[in-house]
Protein backbone atom coordinates (compact mmCIF):
# COMPACT_ATOMS: atom_id res chain seq x y z
CA MET A 1 33.27 33.34 16.12
CA PHE A 2 32.89 34.39 12.48
CA HIS A 3 30.02 36.25 10.84
CA PRO A 4 26.52 35.04 11.85
CA LEU A 5 25.75 33.38 8.51
CA SER A 6 29.04 31.46 8.30
CA LEU A 7 28.63 27.86 7.16
CA LEU A 8 32.21 26.83 8.02
CA ASP A 9 33.25 24.73 10.97
CA ARG A 10 35.85 26.20 13.32
CA THR A 11 38.66 26.53 10.81
CA PHE A 12 41.72 28.67 11.42
CA GLU A 13 43.82 27.78 8.37
CA PHE A 14 42.58 28.65 4.88
CA THR A 15 43.75 28.47 1.34
CA GLY A 16 43.25 31.70 -0.57
CA GLU A 17 40.28 30.14 -2.40
CA GLN A 18 38.63 29.00 0.83
CA PHE A 19 39.04 32.41 2.40
CA ALA A 20 37.65 34.19 -0.65
CA ALA A 21 34.64 31.85 -0.72
CA GLU A 22 33.92 32.47 2.95
CA PHE A 23 34.56 36.22 2.88
CA PRO A 24 34.08 37.36 -0.74
CA VAL A 25 33.30 41.02 -0.05
CA GLU A 26 32.65 43.44 2.77
CA GLY A 27 29.00 43.54 3.83
CA GLN A 28 26.52 43.36 6.66
CA HIS A 29 28.62 40.84 8.59
CA VAL A 30 32.18 41.34 7.28
CA GLU A 31 34.69 44.21 7.45
CA PHE A 32 38.20 44.18 5.96
CA LYS A 33 40.98 46.27 7.55
CA GLU A 34 44.47 46.34 6.10
CA GLY A 35 46.01 48.09 9.12
CA LEU A 36 45.54 47.87 12.89
CA SER A 37 43.64 51.14 13.47
CA GLU A 38 42.27 50.99 17.02
CA ARG A 39 39.70 53.73 16.28
CA ALA A 40 38.35 51.90 13.22
CA VAL A 41 38.23 48.60 15.11
CA ARG A 42 36.26 50.20 17.97
CA GLU A 43 33.73 51.80 15.62
CA THR A 44 33.14 48.69 13.54
CA ALA A 45 32.91 46.39 16.57
CA MET A 46 30.30 48.73 18.07
CA ALA A 47 28.36 48.84 14.77
CA PHE A 48 28.32 45.03 14.52
CA SER A 49 27.22 44.72 18.16
CA ASN A 50 24.29 47.09 17.51
CA ALA A 51 23.18 45.08 14.46
CA GLU A 52 23.47 41.35 13.76
CA GLY A 53 27.08 40.77 14.81
CA GLY A 54 29.99 40.22 12.46
CA VAL A 55 33.72 39.74 12.01
CA ILE A 56 36.54 42.24 11.45
CA LEU A 57 39.43 40.77 9.45
CA LEU A 58 42.72 42.59 10.04
CA GLY A 59 45.34 42.19 7.35
CA VAL A 60 42.92 42.19 4.40
CA ALA A 61 42.64 44.98 1.79
CA ASP A 62 39.25 46.53 0.90
CA ASN A 63 39.06 44.39 -2.25
CA GLY A 64 39.54 41.17 -0.23
CA THR A 65 43.21 40.65 -1.04
CA VAL A 66 45.04 39.11 1.92
CA ARG A 67 48.06 41.30 2.74
CA GLY A 68 48.81 39.82 6.14
CA ALA A 69 48.71 41.54 9.52
CA ASN A 70 51.89 42.67 11.20
CA LEU A 71 51.05 41.17 14.57
CA LYS A 72 53.52 42.20 17.25
CA PRO A 73 53.38 40.60 20.72
CA GLU A 74 51.67 43.66 22.14
CA SER A 75 49.15 44.07 19.25
CA GLU A 76 46.53 41.80 20.72
CA VAL A 77 46.72 43.53 24.10
CA GLN A 78 46.30 46.94 22.44
CA LEU A 79 43.27 45.76 20.49
CA ARG A 80 41.65 44.21 23.56
CA ASN A 81 42.15 47.47 25.43
CA ALA A 82 40.62 49.38 22.51
CA LEU A 83 37.56 47.11 22.51
CA GLN A 84 37.14 47.50 26.26
CA GLN A 85 36.64 51.23 25.71
CA VAL A 86 33.35 50.47 23.94
CA SER A 87 30.52 50.57 26.45
CA ASN A 88 28.29 47.44 26.49
CA LEU A 89 30.06 45.77 23.55
CA GLY A 90 28.59 42.37 22.70
CA GLN A 91 30.54 39.18 23.37
CA HIS A 92 33.72 39.18 21.31
CA GLN A 93 36.90 37.24 20.75
CA LEU A 94 40.16 37.55 18.84
CA GLN A 95 41.31 34.61 16.72
CA PRO A 96 44.51 34.44 14.63
CA LEU A 97 44.03 32.91 11.17
CA VAL A 98 46.47 31.76 8.53
CA VAL A 99 45.66 32.30 4.84
CA ASP A 100 48.22 30.84 2.43
CA GLY A 101 50.87 31.38 5.07
CA ARG A 102 49.89 34.99 5.83
CA ALA A 103 48.65 36.05 9.27
CA VAL A 104 45.15 37.47 9.60
CA LEU A 105 43.48 38.44 12.86
CA ALA A 106 39.73 37.85 13.09
CA ILE A 107 37.74 39.83 15.67
CA GLY A 108 34.33 38.21 16.05
CA VAL A 109 31.59 40.34 17.63
CA ALA A 110 28.19 39.07 18.73
CA ALA A 111 24.99 41.10 18.53
CA ARG A 112 23.52 42.47 21.76
CA ARG A 113 19.95 41.45 22.47
CA ASP A 114 19.45 44.03 25.22
CA SER A 115 20.98 47.50 25.69
CA PHE A 116 23.41 48.80 23.05
CA ALA A 117 27.09 49.50 22.45
CA GLN A 118 28.42 53.06 22.54
CA LEU A 119 31.75 54.86 22.05
CA PRO A 120 33.33 56.91 24.87
CA SER A 121 32.40 60.03 22.90
CA GLY A 122 28.73 59.06 23.15
CA GLN A 123 28.43 58.22 19.46
CA VAL A 124 26.24 55.24 18.49
CA LYS A 125 26.70 53.41 15.18
CA GLN A 126 24.90 50.46 13.62
CA ARG A 127 26.03 48.26 10.75
CA ARG A 128 24.07 48.92 7.56
CA GLY A 129 25.28 46.90 4.61
CA ALA A 130 29.02 47.46 4.23
CA SER A 131 29.16 50.70 6.24
CA ASN A 132 28.81 51.87 9.83
CA HIS A 133 25.78 54.15 10.06
CA THR A 134 25.71 56.88 12.72
CA LEU A 135 22.38 57.06 14.57
CA MET A 136 21.10 60.54 15.41
CA GLY A 137 17.91 62.32 16.45
CA ALA A 138 14.63 60.43 16.13
CA GLU A 139 16.39 57.43 14.62
CA LEU A 140 18.61 57.14 17.69
CA ALA A 141 15.62 57.58 20.01
CA ASP A 142 13.74 54.77 18.24
CA PHE A 143 16.79 52.51 18.41
CA ILE A 144 17.28 53.08 22.13
CA ALA A 145 13.57 52.57 22.85
CA ARG A 146 13.63 49.19 21.10
CA ARG A 147 16.75 48.06 22.98
CA PHE A 148 15.53 48.92 26.45
CA VAL A 149 12.03 47.52 26.23
CA ARG A 150 11.88 43.90 27.34
CA SER A 151 9.27 42.77 24.87
CA VAL A 152 6.65 40.13 25.42
CA GLU A 153 8.07 38.11 22.52
CA ALA A 154 11.22 37.46 24.59
CA THR A 155 9.28 36.22 27.64
CA ALA A 156 9.74 32.57 28.58
CA THR A 157 6.62 30.39 28.41
CA ALA A 158 5.67 27.15 30.16
CA ARG A 159 6.42 25.22 26.95
CA GLN A 160 9.71 23.36 27.01
CA SER A 161 12.00 23.15 24.02
CA SER A 162 11.16 19.45 23.71
CA VAL A 163 7.86 20.40 22.00
CA ILE A 164 9.65 22.03 19.05
CA VAL A 165 8.50 20.60 15.72
CA ASP A 166 11.63 19.58 13.82
CA ASP A 167 10.34 20.65 10.39
CA LEU A 168 9.48 24.11 11.70
CA ALA A 169 12.87 24.47 13.39
CA LEU A 170 14.58 23.56 10.11
CA LYS A 171 12.45 26.08 8.23
CA VAL A 172 13.44 28.86 10.66
CA ALA A 173 17.10 27.79 10.54
CA ARG A 174 17.22 27.90 6.75
CA ALA A 175 15.44 31.26 6.68
CA TRP A 176 18.07 32.67 9.05
CA GLY A 177 20.86 31.11 7.00
CA TRP A 178 22.11 28.75 9.69
CA GLU A 179 23.89 25.54 8.82
CA THR A 180 21.42 22.65 9.16
CA THR A 181 21.17 18.91 8.76
CA SER A 182 18.14 16.75 8.12
CA ASP A 183 18.15 15.63 11.76
CA GLY A 184 15.86 18.39 12.97
CA ALA A 185 16.42 20.27 16.23
CA THR A 186 20.02 19.17 16.89
CA PRO A 187 21.93 20.52 19.91
CA GLU A 188 23.75 22.95 17.60
CA LEU A 189 20.44 24.25 16.28
CA GLN A 190 19.11 24.58 19.82
CA VAL A 191 22.09 26.79 20.62
CA ARG A 192 21.29 28.97 17.60
CA LEU A 193 17.65 29.23 18.67
CA SER A 194 18.72 30.15 22.18
CA ASP A 195 21.28 32.73 21.03
CA ASN A 196 18.65 34.46 18.91
CA GLY A 197 15.78 34.59 21.41
CA PHE A 198 13.56 31.63 20.50
CA ILE A 199 14.61 29.64 23.58
CA GLU A 200 15.22 30.85 27.12
CA PRO A 201 17.92 28.72 28.84
CA ARG A 202 16.68 27.48 32.20
CA GLY A 203 19.28 24.96 33.32
CA GLY A 204 18.53 22.13 35.70
CA SER A 205 16.43 19.08 34.91
CA GLY A 206 13.37 21.01 33.79
CA GLY A 207 14.82 21.82 30.39
CA ASP A 208 14.91 25.07 28.45
CA SER A 209 11.72 27.04 27.76
CA LEU A 210 10.40 28.41 24.51
CA THR A 211 9.89 32.15 24.46
CA VAL A 212 6.68 33.61 23.06
CA ALA A 213 8.49 34.13 19.73
CA GLY A 214 9.67 30.52 19.85
CA VAL A 215 6.11 29.28 20.32
CA LEU A 216 4.87 31.46 17.43
CA PHE A 217 7.26 29.87 14.95
CA LEU A 218 8.22 26.44 16.31
CA VAL A 219 4.96 24.72 17.30
CA ASN A 220 1.96 23.76 15.19
CA ASP A 221 -0.69 25.68 17.15
CA PRO A 222 0.66 28.77 18.94
CA GLY A 223 -2.84 29.72 20.14
CA ALA A 224 -3.27 26.48 22.02
CA ALA A 225 0.31 26.57 23.34
CA LEU A 226 -0.05 30.13 24.65
CA GLY A 227 -3.59 29.61 25.92
CA GLY A 228 -5.18 32.36 23.85
CA LYS A 229 -6.07 33.62 20.38
CA ALA A 230 -2.65 33.78 18.75
CA TYR A 231 -4.20 33.29 15.33
CA VAL A 232 -6.14 35.06 12.55
CA GLU A 233 -9.94 35.16 12.24
CA VAL A 234 -11.67 36.15 8.99
CA PHE A 235 -15.33 37.17 8.86
CA ARG A 236 -17.23 37.59 5.58
CA TYR A 237 -20.17 39.99 5.38
CA ARG A 238 -22.54 40.28 2.41
CA ASP A 239 -23.65 43.79 3.37
CA GLU A 240 -23.05 46.50 5.97
CA GLY A 241 -24.95 44.67 8.67
CA VAL A 242 -23.61 42.99 11.81
CA ASP A 243 -24.31 39.41 10.71
CA TYR A 244 -21.53 37.54 8.92
CA ASP A 245 -22.18 34.52 6.71
CA ARG A 246 -18.77 32.85 6.99
CA ARG A 247 -16.03 32.65 9.61
CA GLU A 248 -12.62 31.01 9.27
CA GLU A 249 -9.72 30.57 11.69
CA PHE A 250 -6.11 30.41 10.50
CA ARG A 251 -3.89 28.75 13.05
CA GLY A 252 -0.42 27.30 12.77
CA PRO A 253 2.99 29.04 12.92
CA LEU A 254 2.87 32.71 12.03
CA GLN A 255 4.21 32.35 8.48
CA ASP A 256 1.42 29.85 7.70
CA GLN A 257 -1.19 32.14 9.23
CA VAL A 258 -0.10 34.99 6.96
CA GLU A 259 0.06 32.96 3.76
CA ARG A 260 -3.13 30.96 4.29
CA ALA A 261 -5.21 33.95 5.39
CA THR A 262 -3.93 35.96 2.40
CA ASP A 263 -4.77 33.17 -0.06
CA PHE A 264 -8.23 32.71 1.44
CA ILE A 265 -9.10 36.41 1.29
CA LEU A 266 -7.86 36.81 -2.27
CA GLY A 267 -9.94 33.79 -3.25
CA GLU A 268 -13.02 35.27 -1.59
CA LEU A 269 -12.53 38.62 -3.31
CA GLY A 270 -12.08 36.98 -6.68
CA PHE A 271 -10.41 38.27 -9.83
CA GLU A 272 -10.98 40.93 -12.43
CA MET A 273 -10.33 39.85 -15.99
CA ALA A 274 -8.33 42.00 -18.41
CA GLN A 275 -7.67 41.39 -22.09
CA LEU A 276 -4.60 43.08 -23.57
CA GLY A 277 -4.30 42.07 -27.20
CA VAL A 278 -4.21 38.28 -27.32
CA ARG A 279 -3.19 37.91 -23.68
CA ARG A 280 -5.72 37.46 -20.93
CA HIS A 281 -4.84 38.56 -17.40
CA GLU A 282 -6.33 37.74 -14.01
CA LEU A 283 -5.94 40.54 -11.49
CA HIS A 284 -6.61 40.21 -7.80
CA ARG A 285 -9.11 42.80 -6.58
CA LEU A 286 -6.45 43.74 -4.04
CA PRO A 287 -2.77 43.50 -4.93
CA ARG A 288 -1.32 40.48 -3.13
CA PRO A 289 1.72 42.42 -1.76
CA VAL A 290 -0.65 44.90 -0.09
CA LEU A 291 -2.89 42.32 1.54
CA ARG A 292 -0.04 40.06 2.62
CA GLU A 293 1.83 42.97 4.18
CA ALA A 294 -1.31 44.10 6.02
CA VAL A 295 -1.80 40.62 7.47
CA ALA A 296 1.91 40.21 8.25
CA ASN A 297 1.99 43.58 10.00
CA ALA A 298 -1.07 42.64 12.03
CA VAL A 299 0.41 39.38 13.38
CA ALA A 300 3.92 40.84 13.76
CA HIS A 301 3.04 44.07 15.56
CA ARG A 302 0.08 42.88 17.61
CA SER A 303 0.29 42.71 21.38
CA TYR A 304 0.84 39.14 22.54
CA MET A 305 -0.28 40.21 25.99
CA ALA A 306 -3.81 40.70 24.61
CA LEU A 307 -4.39 37.04 23.80
CA GLY A 308 -8.12 37.33 24.44
CA GLU A 309 -8.45 38.64 20.87
CA ALA A 310 -7.29 37.32 17.54
CA VAL A 311 -6.13 39.35 14.59
CA ARG A 312 -9.51 40.02 12.98
CA ILE A 313 -10.13 40.58 9.27
CA ASP A 314 -13.56 41.65 8.02
CA LEU A 315 -14.47 41.23 4.36
CA ARG A 316 -17.08 43.80 3.33
CA PRO A 317 -18.48 44.35 -0.19
CA ASP A 318 -16.28 47.41 -0.75
CA ARG A 319 -13.32 46.95 1.64
CA VAL A 320 -11.10 44.67 3.69
CA VAL A 321 -10.58 45.68 7.34
CA VAL A 322 -7.59 44.26 9.24
CA ARG A 323 -7.62 44.79 13.02
CA SER A 324 -4.58 44.02 15.20
CA PRO A 325 -4.89 43.82 19.03
CA GLY A 326 -2.78 46.41 20.86
CA GLY A 327 -2.39 50.14 20.24
CA LEU A 328 0.46 51.87 18.42
CA PRO A 329 3.94 51.49 19.99
CA ASP A 330 5.31 54.51 21.85
CA GLY A 331 6.61 57.13 19.45
CA VAL A 332 4.41 56.05 16.54
CA THR A 333 1.33 58.06 15.57
CA LEU A 334 -1.09 57.94 12.67
CA ASP A 335 0.76 60.94 11.22
CA ASN A 336 4.21 59.30 11.19
CA ILE A 337 3.27 55.62 10.79
CA ALA A 338 4.76 55.47 7.27
CA GLN A 339 8.06 57.10 8.29
CA ARG A 340 8.76 55.78 11.78
CA SER A 341 9.52 52.17 12.61
CA VAL A 342 9.29 51.04 16.24
CA ALA A 343 8.61 47.32 16.18
CA ARG A 344 6.79 45.87 19.19
CA ASN A 345 8.07 42.39 18.29
CA THR A 346 11.46 42.81 16.65
CA LEU A 347 12.30 39.10 16.45
CA VAL A 348 8.89 38.22 15.04
CA ILE A 349 9.00 40.77 12.21
CA ARG A 350 12.62 39.91 11.44
CA THR A 351 11.83 36.19 11.18
CA LEU A 352 8.79 36.82 8.98
CA ARG A 353 11.04 38.91 6.73
CA PHE A 354 13.62 36.11 6.53
CA LEU A 355 10.82 33.66 5.71
CA GLY A 356 9.77 35.91 2.83
CA VAL A 357 6.29 36.86 4.06
CA ALA A 358 6.97 40.42 5.27
CA GLU A 359 8.91 43.44 4.15
CA GLU A 360 11.98 44.86 5.81
CA ALA A 361 11.17 46.80 8.97
CA GLY A 362 10.04 50.32 8.14
CA ARG A 363 9.13 49.57 4.50
CA GLY A 364 5.80 47.81 4.89
CA VAL A 365 3.44 50.80 5.02
CA ASP A 366 5.29 52.58 2.23
CA LEU A 367 5.14 49.48 0.04
CA MET A 368 1.40 49.11 0.64
CA CYS A 369 0.77 52.73 -0.34
CA LYS A 370 2.85 52.46 -3.50
CA HIS A 371 1.26 49.23 -4.68
CA MET A 372 -2.20 50.73 -4.19
CA ALA A 373 -1.09 53.80 -6.14
CA LEU A 374 0.28 51.60 -8.90
CA ASN A 375 -3.21 50.16 -9.30
CA LEU A 376 -4.91 53.58 -8.94
CA MET A 377 -6.63 52.42 -5.76
CA HIS A 378 -7.33 54.33 -2.56
CA PRO A 379 -4.33 54.43 -0.20
CA PRO A 380 -4.57 52.34 2.98
CA GLU A 381 -6.47 54.06 5.78
CA PHE A 382 -5.12 53.66 9.31
CA GLU A 383 -7.09 53.96 12.52
CA ALA A 384 -5.88 53.45 16.09
CA ASP A 385 -7.10 53.53 19.66
CA PRO A 386 -5.48 52.32 22.89
CA THR A 387 -6.60 48.74 22.25
CA SER A 388 -6.06 48.16 18.53
CA VAL A 389 -4.65 49.31 15.20
CA THR A 390 -6.80 48.97 12.08
CA VAL A 391 -5.99 49.27 8.39
CA VAL A 392 -8.78 49.65 5.84
CA LEU A 393 -8.09 48.57 2.26
CA ARG A 394 -10.71 49.93 -0.15
CA LEU A 395 -11.69 47.90 -3.19
CA GLY A 396 -12.24 49.53 -6.56
CA SER A 397 -9.86 51.39 -8.79
CA ALA A 398 -9.90 54.57 -10.81
CA ALA A 399 -8.43 52.44 -13.60
CA THR A 400 -10.20 49.74 -15.57
CA PRO A 401 -8.84 46.17 -15.29
CA ALA A 402 -7.17 46.61 -18.68
CA GLU A 403 -5.49 49.80 -17.51
CA ARG A 404 -4.30 48.14 -14.30
CA ALA A 405 -2.80 45.27 -16.27
CA TRP A 406 -1.13 47.65 -18.70
CA LEU A 407 0.19 49.90 -15.94
CA VAL A 408 1.90 47.22 -13.94
CA GLN A 409 3.14 45.46 -17.06
CA THR A 410 4.61 48.71 -18.36
CA LEU A 411 6.33 49.61 -15.09
CA ALA A 412 7.46 46.10 -14.15
CA ALA A 413 10.83 44.58 -14.93
CA GLU A 414 10.74 42.66 -18.22
CA LYS A 415 11.89 39.42 -16.60
CA GLU A 416 8.97 39.56 -14.18
CA VAL A 417 6.47 40.03 -17.00
CA ILE A 418 7.86 37.05 -18.85
CA ALA A 419 8.06 34.87 -15.74
CA ARG A 420 4.56 35.51 -14.44
CA PRO A 421 2.23 36.64 -17.24
CA TYR A 422 -0.78 35.09 -15.53
CA SER A 423 -0.58 37.19 -12.39
CA VAL A 424 0.13 40.72 -13.49
CA GLY A 425 -1.31 42.26 -10.34
CA ASP A 426 1.50 40.75 -8.29
CA TYR A 427 4.47 41.99 -10.33
CA ALA A 428 7.33 43.51 -8.38
CA ALA A 429 7.43 46.69 -10.42
CA ASP A 430 9.99 49.43 -9.84
CA ILE A 431 7.87 50.28 -6.84
CA ASP A 432 10.28 52.77 -5.28
CA ALA A 433 10.02 54.99 -8.39
CA VAL A 434 6.22 55.00 -8.41
CA ARG A 435 4.34 58.06 -7.22
CA PRO A 436 0.54 58.16 -7.21
CA GLN A 437 0.30 61.35 -9.23
CA ASP A 438 2.69 60.00 -11.86
CA VAL A 439 0.57 56.89 -12.38
CA ALA A 440 -2.63 58.91 -12.74
CA LEU A 441 -1.05 61.07 -15.46
CA LEU A 442 0.37 58.07 -17.28
CA VAL A 443 -3.10 56.51 -17.53
CA ARG A 444 -4.54 59.70 -19.00
CA ALA A 445 -1.78 59.80 -21.59
CA ALA A 446 -2.39 56.13 -22.42
CA ARG A 447 -6.01 57.00 -23.16
CA GLY A 448 -4.74 59.32 -25.85
CA GLU A 449 -4.96 62.64 -24.00
CA VAL A 450 -2.46 65.45 -24.60
CA LEU A 451 -1.16 66.66 -21.25
CA SER A 452 0.09 70.11 -20.31
CA ASN A 453 1.13 71.62 -17.02
CA ALA A 454 -2.33 73.18 -16.74
CA THR A 455 -4.21 69.93 -17.38
CA ALA A 456 -1.88 68.10 -14.99
CA ARG A 457 -2.65 70.65 -12.28
CA ASP A 458 -6.37 70.16 -12.79
CA LEU A 459 -6.13 66.38 -12.85
CA LEU A 460 -3.94 66.16 -9.76
CA GLY A 461 -5.26 69.11 -7.79
CA ALA A 462 -1.59 70.11 -7.44
CA ASP A 463 0.40 73.30 -7.85
CA ALA A 464 2.47 74.07 -10.96
CA GLN A 465 5.72 72.78 -9.49
CA GLU A 466 4.26 69.42 -8.45
CA ALA A 467 2.53 68.97 -11.82
CA ARG A 468 5.71 69.83 -13.71
CA GLY A 469 7.69 67.39 -11.55
CA SER A 470 5.31 64.52 -12.35
CA LEU A 471 5.38 65.19 -16.09
CA ARG A 472 9.16 65.41 -16.16
CA ARG A 473 9.65 62.22 -14.14
CA LEU A 474 7.52 60.36 -16.66
CA ARG A 475 9.42 62.01 -19.51
CA ASP A 476 12.80 61.12 -17.99
CA ARG A 477 11.75 57.49 -17.64
CA GLY A 478 10.88 57.40 -21.34
CA LEU A 479 7.15 56.99 -20.73
CA LEU A 480 6.05 60.40 -22.02
CA ARG A 481 7.31 62.44 -24.97
CA GLN A 482 7.68 66.21 -24.61
CA ALA A 483 6.82 68.62 -27.40
CA GLY A 484 7.39 72.37 -27.42
CA ALA A 485 8.82 74.52 -24.66
CA GLY A 486 7.72 77.10 -22.13
CA ALA A 487 4.01 77.75 -21.81
CA GLY A 488 3.31 75.68 -24.93
CA THR A 489 4.89 72.47 -23.63
CA THR A 490 2.76 69.36 -24.06
CA TYR A 491 3.28 65.69 -23.26
CA THR A 492 1.93 62.58 -24.96
CA LEU A 493 2.55 58.89 -24.52
CA SER A 494 5.99 57.95 -25.81
CA PRO A 495 5.98 55.96 -29.08
CA ALA A 496 8.14 53.37 -27.27
CA THR A 497 5.34 52.87 -24.72
CA THR A 498 2.53 51.09 -26.53
CA SER A 499 -1.06 51.69 -25.51
CA PRO A 500 -3.45 48.89 -26.59
CA ASN A 501 -6.99 49.54 -27.76
CA GLU A 502 -8.36 48.22 -24.45
CA VAL A 503 -6.66 51.13 -22.67
CA ARG A 504 -7.46 53.80 -25.22
CA HIS A 505 -11.14 52.86 -24.99
CA ALA A 506 -11.19 52.67 -21.18
CA PRO A 507 -13.34 55.82 -20.67
CA ARG A 508 -16.20 54.03 -22.44
CA GLU A 509 -16.07 51.30 -19.80
CA HIS A 510 -16.48 53.88 -17.04
CA GLU A 511 -19.42 55.45 -18.88
CA ALA A 512 -21.07 52.04 -19.31
CA GLN A 513 -20.61 51.36 -15.60
CA VAL A 514 -22.30 54.66 -14.69
CA LEU A 515 -25.22 53.93 -17.04
CA ASP A 516 -25.64 50.47 -15.51
CA MET A 517 -25.87 52.04 -12.06
CA ALA A 518 -28.31 54.67 -13.30
CA LEU A 519 -30.57 51.87 -14.58
CA GLN A 520 -31.13 50.93 -10.94
CA GLY A 521 -32.06 54.46 -9.89
CA PRO A 522 -30.64 57.97 -9.33
CA VAL A 523 -26.85 58.15 -8.86
CA THR A 524 -24.60 60.76 -7.29
CA ASN A 525 -20.94 61.65 -7.60
CA ALA A 526 -20.34 59.91 -4.25
CA ASP A 527 -22.07 56.72 -5.48
CA ILE A 528 -19.78 56.48 -8.50
CA ARG A 529 -16.66 57.25 -6.48
CA ALA A 530 -17.50 54.53 -3.97
CA ARG A 531 -18.09 51.95 -6.71
CA THR A 532 -15.20 52.77 -9.04
CA GLY A 533 -12.51 54.41 -6.93
CA LEU A 534 -12.42 57.36 -9.34
CA GLY A 535 -11.75 60.85 -8.05
CA ARG A 536 -14.43 63.57 -7.84
CA ALA A 537 -13.14 65.47 -10.89
CA ALA A 538 -12.97 62.31 -13.02
CA VAL A 539 -16.58 61.45 -12.16
CA VAL A 540 -17.70 64.98 -13.05
CA GLN A 541 -16.09 64.55 -16.48
CA ILE A 542 -17.99 61.28 -17.03
CA PHE A 543 -21.26 62.90 -16.04
CA ASN A 544 -20.58 65.83 -18.39
CA ARG A 545 -19.91 63.50 -21.32
CA LEU A 546 -23.11 61.54 -20.66
CA LEU A 547 -25.11 64.76 -20.27
CA ALA A 548 -23.71 66.06 -23.54
CA SER A 549 -24.62 62.83 -25.32
CA GLY A 550 -28.17 63.01 -23.94
CA GLN A 551 -27.90 59.73 -21.99
CA LEU A 552 -28.23 61.29 -18.52
CA GLU A 553 -30.20 64.16 -17.02
CA ARG A 554 -29.14 66.28 -14.02
CA CYS A 555 -31.59 66.80 -11.16
CA GLY A 556 -31.33 68.94 -8.04
CA SER A 557 -28.51 71.32 -7.18
CA LYS A 558 -25.44 71.60 -4.96
CA ARG A 559 -25.36 68.74 -2.43
CA GLY A 560 -28.68 67.47 -3.70
CA THR A 561 -27.40 66.99 -7.25
CA HIS A 562 -28.10 63.55 -8.71
CA TYR A 563 -28.37 62.02 -12.17
CA VAL A 564 -30.98 59.84 -13.83
CA LEU A 565 -31.29 58.19 -17.21
CA SER A 566 -32.72 60.46 -19.85
CA THR A 567 -36.09 59.48 -21.28
CA THR A 568 -34.45 58.48 -24.55
CA GLU A 569 -31.85 56.28 -22.84
CA ALA A 570 -34.45 54.72 -20.51
CA ASN A 571 -36.66 53.85 -23.51
CA ARG A 572 -33.68 52.37 -25.38
CA SER A 573 -32.70 50.20 -22.41
CA ALA A 574 -36.30 49.03 -21.96
CA SER A 575 -36.53 48.17 -25.66
CA GLU A 576 -33.30 46.15 -25.50
CA SER A 577 -34.59 44.32 -22.43
CA ARG A 578 -37.90 43.40 -24.17
CA SER A 579 -35.98 42.23 -27.23
CA THR A 580 -33.81 39.98 -25.10
CA ASP A 581 -36.86 38.52 -23.33
CA THR A 582 -38.50 37.75 -26.70
CA GLU A 583 -35.41 35.97 -28.00
CA GLU A 584 -35.28 33.81 -24.88
């Protein structure tokens, strides 16, 4: 038993080159140990058992050089005794290897699907990359909760493994990194599927059964196979009423549901066009990573006991609403949803991640928030009750399309910009370094504004320390240039960060949008915020500029304040309209 992603047959004699190719470095599934430390072996075996399994190679230096293990007759007995001290250790075996004539001892450890491994001291570790991570506090509580809950996804169904679609089984196998052939669901692949929770062994003549997770990924129509609505429904509304004008169902294995529903919704929402210099960009009205993660989360974390309901997505004129059946898992609240990860369906979310349609567990909500911030859009809004979890994705941005294109292009890796110039809204920018307040300040600098700590405080509604931190982060990344010191410090866009005319003139676009709305009747600050995604202070500045130029007039006061076109502006617009009619 070697590491879970091993592609080798059972081979116990290696050349140095073969060994190095199979075990190039320490990592998630491989640990090198030059000596025979029983303590280190116990800890690493426990960590592998609490993660994805792995192999400990005794007699190998940290850099992968094979030194050889000094295996005395009693060594194996001592190691077995050491491993037996680990409570609930996964299945394991010891296997001597020979590498260019040197002895190496491989200790293969399988992952536990239920319960967890623990040291006699009570310590619990889990493999994370090339290290053994100690679990403590809330993290330990979450880990234990996941291990002791027998989830619905692991429940056997009435569907036998004979209904597995070979192409889907191969797709899952390749995503998990298992060795495959073109023959489809071979006996070896069936064993892999069984070991990892897609099949429940039954024995006897009836054959093995697919689990709920197996049905979701290995048959063409999980809804029909499970006898319920294990699919995605999308409803399109033209207004705020209760009547929809289009309904679509997205069936098929989960990965297809996520991708097809995402593509459909993005197509329905349409694009915004942006021109930066000679290059024309199409930007989705919602960033694809945000929408795809929302849909993936909905199908991955939904309750598959509540099959009377589908994952429902409503398309409204100003928002997309994604509703997932089943309340929040125990331990997760609306307050900690971005920080705490307790997956209801661990195997489902893991498989979606391997298939490339979902983020790593615990990163999805954070990624959605950061991509929305990168586009100066409202953060996702989460709602929950005992029967469902809902995420609301607001349309509209405080940035113009040109600013959105410039922002993501500026913050994205150069290779991504070159590879996908037609889809700037989907770039994988340095998303972990993005903070909403930083992006807002960068846009203002790109418009040609001179920023100070005071102006940053006003723009962000933040204290002096937060404002200073945002300005300095942008400076340290080479995006802003600092001038002066102390109270006189100012920041402008760095000369190395070009700002095209389309961005410098962006405020005029916002003003034109407000005037277009005012042509239809009185407008309020709330009206403009809802349409554009701008903040309250930014809208006030637009109104002030249009008042100063004589294009708008203010009416009412306090909460009754609204704005109308000035007489001069109304006459000018009417004159332009008559002129256009005459020409036609």
